N, C-alpha and C. Protein backbone atom coordinates (compact mmCIF):
# COMPACT_ATOMS: atom_id res chain seq x y z
N MET A 1 0.85 -1.18 0.00
CA MET A 1 0.01 0.02 -0.01
C MET A 1 0.90 1.23 0.00
N THR A 2 0.43 2.21 -0.68
CA THR A 2 1.19 3.47 -0.69
C THR A 2 0.87 4.25 0.58
N LEU A 3 1.66 5.26 0.82
CA LEU A 3 1.53 6.09 2.03
C LEU A 3 0.17 6.80 2.01
N ILE A 4 -0.23 7.25 0.89
CA ILE A 4 -1.55 7.98 0.80
C ILE A 4 -2.69 7.05 1.11
N ALA A 5 -2.62 5.84 0.60
CA ALA A 5 -3.68 4.86 0.88
C ALA A 5 -3.73 4.47 2.36
N ARG A 6 -2.55 4.37 3.01
CA ARG A 6 -2.51 4.06 4.44
C ARG A 6 -3.03 5.19 5.25
N LEU A 7 -2.72 6.42 4.91
CA LEU A 7 -3.21 7.62 5.61
C LEU A 7 -4.72 7.72 5.47
N PHE A 8 -5.19 7.44 4.27
CA PHE A 8 -6.66 7.48 4.03
C PHE A 8 -7.35 6.42 4.85
N ALA A 9 -6.81 5.23 4.94
CA ALA A 9 -7.44 4.13 5.73
C ALA A 9 -7.42 4.49 7.20
N LEU A 10 -6.34 5.07 7.66
CA LEU A 10 -6.24 5.51 9.06
C LEU A 10 -7.26 6.58 9.37
N ALA A 11 -7.37 7.57 8.47
CA ALA A 11 -8.35 8.65 8.68
C ALA A 11 -9.79 8.07 8.68
N LEU A 12 -10.03 7.13 7.87
CA LEU A 12 -11.37 6.50 7.82
C LEU A 12 -11.69 5.80 9.14
N VAL A 13 -10.76 5.06 9.68
CA VAL A 13 -10.92 4.37 10.95
C VAL A 13 -11.13 5.36 12.12
N VAL A 14 -10.27 6.38 12.10
CA VAL A 14 -10.33 7.34 13.18
C VAL A 14 -11.64 8.11 13.25
N THR A 15 -12.24 8.41 12.07
CA THR A 15 -13.52 9.08 12.06
C THR A 15 -14.70 8.15 12.21
N ALA A 16 -14.58 6.86 11.86
CA ALA A 16 -15.66 5.92 11.95
C ALA A 16 -15.88 5.43 13.40
N VAL A 17 -14.85 5.30 14.17
CA VAL A 17 -14.97 4.77 15.53
C VAL A 17 -15.79 5.69 16.41
N PRO A 18 -15.49 7.02 16.53
CA PRO A 18 -16.29 7.87 17.38
C PRO A 18 -17.72 8.01 16.89
N ALA A 19 -17.94 7.99 15.61
CA ALA A 19 -19.28 8.09 15.06
C ALA A 19 -20.12 6.85 15.49
N THR A 20 -19.52 5.70 15.46
CA THR A 20 -20.20 4.48 15.83
C THR A 20 -20.51 4.49 17.35
N CYS A 21 -19.58 4.96 18.17
CA CYS A 21 -19.81 4.97 19.61
C CYS A 21 -20.94 5.91 19.96
N GLN A 22 -21.04 7.08 19.28
CA GLN A 22 -22.16 7.99 19.59
C GLN A 22 -23.46 7.43 19.16
N THR A 23 -23.49 6.67 18.08
CA THR A 23 -24.73 6.03 17.64
C THR A 23 -25.22 4.99 18.60
N LEU A 24 -24.33 4.25 19.22
CA LEU A 24 -24.68 3.21 20.13
C LEU A 24 -25.34 3.78 21.43
N ASN A 25 -24.90 4.96 21.82
CA ASN A 25 -25.40 5.57 23.03
C ASN A 25 -26.55 6.50 22.84
N ALA A 26 -27.11 6.54 21.64
CA ALA A 26 -28.12 7.56 21.29
C ALA A 26 -29.41 7.32 22.08
N GLN A 27 -29.73 6.09 22.52
CA GLN A 27 -30.95 5.82 23.20
C GLN A 27 -30.93 6.11 24.68
N GLU A 28 -29.75 6.39 25.22
CA GLU A 28 -29.60 6.67 26.66
C GLU A 28 -30.13 8.01 26.97
N PRO A 29 -30.88 8.15 28.11
CA PRO A 29 -31.44 9.49 28.45
C PRO A 29 -30.30 10.45 28.84
N GLY A 30 -30.59 11.73 28.70
CA GLY A 30 -29.64 12.75 29.10
C GLY A 30 -29.80 13.13 30.54
N TRP A 31 -29.15 14.20 30.90
CA TRP A 31 -29.24 14.73 32.25
C TRP A 31 -30.34 15.80 32.39
N SER A 32 -31.07 15.79 33.48
CA SER A 32 -32.03 16.77 33.79
C SER A 32 -31.38 17.80 34.73
N PRO A 33 -31.64 19.08 34.54
CA PRO A 33 -31.03 20.06 35.41
C PRO A 33 -31.71 20.20 36.82
N TYR A 34 -32.83 19.52 36.97
CA TYR A 34 -33.60 19.66 38.26
C TYR A 34 -33.25 18.54 39.25
N VAL A 35 -32.87 18.95 40.46
CA VAL A 35 -32.67 17.98 41.50
C VAL A 35 -34.01 17.59 42.08
N ILE A 36 -34.88 18.58 42.29
CA ILE A 36 -36.24 18.38 42.76
C ILE A 36 -37.16 18.93 41.73
N ALA A 37 -37.91 18.02 41.10
CA ALA A 37 -38.87 18.41 40.04
C ALA A 37 -40.19 18.85 40.71
N ARG A 38 -40.78 19.88 40.11
CA ARG A 38 -42.06 20.36 40.63
C ARG A 38 -43.09 20.51 39.51
N GLY A 39 -44.32 20.50 39.92
CA GLY A 39 -45.43 20.76 39.00
C GLY A 39 -45.50 19.76 37.89
N GLN A 40 -45.66 20.30 36.64
CA GLN A 40 -45.84 19.43 35.49
C GLN A 40 -44.65 18.54 35.22
N GLN A 41 -43.45 19.06 35.46
CA GLN A 41 -42.26 18.24 35.27
C GLN A 41 -42.27 17.00 36.17
N ARG A 42 -42.75 17.16 37.39
CA ARG A 42 -42.83 16.05 38.33
C ARG A 42 -43.84 15.00 37.85
N GLN A 43 -44.91 15.41 37.30
CA GLN A 43 -45.95 14.47 36.82
C GLN A 43 -45.38 13.73 35.59
N ILE A 44 -44.67 14.38 34.77
CA ILE A 44 -44.08 13.75 33.55
C ILE A 44 -43.08 12.68 34.03
N ILE A 45 -42.22 13.05 35.00
CA ILE A 45 -41.23 12.08 35.48
C ILE A 45 -41.88 10.88 36.14
N ARG A 46 -42.95 11.10 36.95
CA ARG A 46 -43.61 9.99 37.64
C ARG A 46 -44.32 9.06 36.65
N ASN A 47 -44.83 9.61 35.52
CA ASN A 47 -45.51 8.75 34.57
C ASN A 47 -44.59 8.02 33.60
N THR A 48 -43.26 8.32 33.68
CA THR A 48 -42.31 7.68 32.81
C THR A 48 -41.68 6.49 33.55
N PRO A 49 -41.49 5.34 32.92
CA PRO A 49 -40.81 4.23 33.61
C PRO A 49 -39.40 4.66 34.01
N ILE A 50 -38.88 4.11 35.12
CA ILE A 50 -37.62 4.57 35.71
C ILE A 50 -36.47 4.41 34.73
N GLN A 51 -36.51 3.37 33.83
CA GLN A 51 -35.42 3.16 32.88
C GLN A 51 -35.28 4.29 31.86
N TYR A 52 -36.37 4.99 31.60
CA TYR A 52 -36.40 5.98 30.51
C TYR A 52 -36.39 7.43 31.06
N ARG A 53 -36.41 7.61 32.35
CA ARG A 53 -36.34 8.91 32.91
C ARG A 53 -34.97 9.55 32.70
N PRO A 54 -34.87 10.84 32.71
CA PRO A 54 -33.54 11.45 32.52
C PRO A 54 -32.74 11.28 33.83
N TYR A 55 -31.41 11.21 33.67
CA TYR A 55 -30.52 11.21 34.82
C TYR A 55 -30.68 12.50 35.59
N ARG A 56 -30.68 12.42 36.94
CA ARG A 56 -30.80 13.65 37.77
C ARG A 56 -29.73 13.65 38.82
N PRO A 57 -29.15 14.82 39.10
CA PRO A 57 -28.17 14.92 40.16
C PRO A 57 -28.70 14.48 41.52
N LEU A 58 -27.90 13.73 42.24
CA LEU A 58 -28.21 13.23 43.62
C LEU A 58 -29.31 12.16 43.66
N HIS A 59 -29.77 11.67 42.53
CA HIS A 59 -30.76 10.57 42.50
C HIS A 59 -30.01 9.26 42.21
N PHE A 60 -29.34 8.78 43.25
CA PHE A 60 -28.43 7.66 43.11
C PHE A 60 -29.11 6.36 42.66
N TYR A 61 -30.23 6.06 43.30
CA TYR A 61 -30.92 4.78 42.97
C TYR A 61 -31.41 4.79 41.51
N GLY A 62 -32.11 5.84 41.12
CA GLY A 62 -32.64 5.89 39.74
C GLY A 62 -31.54 5.93 38.71
N ASN A 63 -30.46 6.69 38.99
CA ASN A 63 -29.34 6.75 38.02
C ASN A 63 -28.69 5.41 37.91
N THR A 64 -28.58 4.65 38.99
CA THR A 64 -27.97 3.31 38.95
C THR A 64 -28.80 2.36 38.17
N VAL A 65 -30.11 2.41 38.38
CA VAL A 65 -31.03 1.53 37.64
C VAL A 65 -30.92 1.84 36.14
N ARG A 66 -30.85 3.10 35.77
CA ARG A 66 -30.76 3.47 34.34
C ARG A 66 -29.43 3.04 33.75
N ARG A 67 -28.33 3.20 34.51
CA ARG A 67 -27.04 2.75 34.01
C ARG A 67 -27.01 1.26 33.78
N ILE A 68 -27.57 0.45 34.70
CA ILE A 68 -27.59 -0.96 34.52
C ILE A 68 -28.47 -1.33 33.30
N TYR A 69 -29.56 -0.67 33.13
CA TYR A 69 -30.46 -0.98 32.00
C TYR A 69 -29.80 -0.60 30.69
N HIS A 70 -29.20 0.54 30.58
CA HIS A 70 -28.65 1.00 29.27
C HIS A 70 -27.23 0.51 29.00
N ARG A 71 -26.40 0.40 30.00
CA ARG A 71 -24.99 0.04 29.81
C ARG A 71 -24.61 -1.36 30.28
N GLY A 72 -25.44 -1.98 31.15
CA GLY A 72 -25.12 -3.28 31.68
C GLY A 72 -24.19 -3.22 32.88
N SER A 73 -23.88 -2.03 33.36
CA SER A 73 -23.00 -1.84 34.48
C SER A 73 -23.48 -0.68 35.37
N ALA A 74 -23.32 -0.82 36.63
CA ALA A 74 -23.77 0.25 37.55
C ALA A 74 -22.77 1.38 37.66
N TRP A 75 -21.53 1.10 37.23
CA TRP A 75 -20.48 2.12 37.35
C TRP A 75 -20.58 3.12 36.22
N PRO A 76 -20.43 4.42 36.56
CA PRO A 76 -20.43 5.43 35.51
C PRO A 76 -19.16 5.34 34.68
N ARG A 77 -19.23 5.74 33.43
CA ARG A 77 -18.06 5.77 32.56
C ARG A 77 -17.21 6.99 32.93
N PRO A 78 -15.90 6.81 32.86
CA PRO A 78 -15.05 8.01 33.18
C PRO A 78 -15.39 9.22 32.31
N ARG A 79 -15.72 8.98 31.02
CA ARG A 79 -16.01 10.11 30.14
C ARG A 79 -17.26 10.86 30.55
N SER A 80 -18.31 10.15 31.05
CA SER A 80 -19.55 10.83 31.41
C SER A 80 -19.45 11.53 32.75
N SER A 81 -18.66 11.01 33.68
CA SER A 81 -18.53 11.64 34.99
C SER A 81 -17.48 12.76 35.02
N SER A 82 -16.56 12.73 34.08
CA SER A 82 -15.49 13.74 34.13
C SER A 82 -15.98 15.13 33.74
N ARG A 83 -17.17 15.22 33.11
CA ARG A 83 -17.67 16.53 32.74
C ARG A 83 -18.08 17.34 33.99
N PHE A 84 -18.38 16.64 35.08
CA PHE A 84 -18.90 17.33 36.28
C PHE A 84 -17.82 17.53 37.31
N VAL A 85 -16.69 17.01 37.10
CA VAL A 85 -15.59 17.11 38.07
C VAL A 85 -14.75 18.38 37.75
N THR A 86 -14.56 19.18 38.79
CA THR A 86 -13.70 20.36 38.60
C THR A 86 -12.29 20.02 39.09
N ARG A 87 -11.36 20.44 38.38
CA ARG A 87 -9.95 20.13 38.70
C ARG A 87 -9.24 21.37 39.19
N ARG A 88 -8.53 21.23 40.29
CA ARG A 88 -7.75 22.37 40.76
C ARG A 88 -6.36 22.26 40.31
N ARG A 89 -5.78 23.38 39.99
CA ARG A 89 -4.39 23.39 39.49
C ARG A 89 -3.47 23.88 40.51
């Protein structure tokens, strides 16, 4: 293979892998900004099965159930939890 063909193949793999990973996680719920839901938001959350509810800060039981359902593991991924960690220099 020529150098250009190898670089093209490498570029294809590098761009295909992240696109595939994002597609696989597309069904997982996102984060809700509310720790305590009120009013209409509370009714919507209560009427939704726990596996499909959005992740919420400080809701350890529900977040664990959702992680087990969607990922097969109760442990958060380093990538998803690192967004909320602040680092001191």
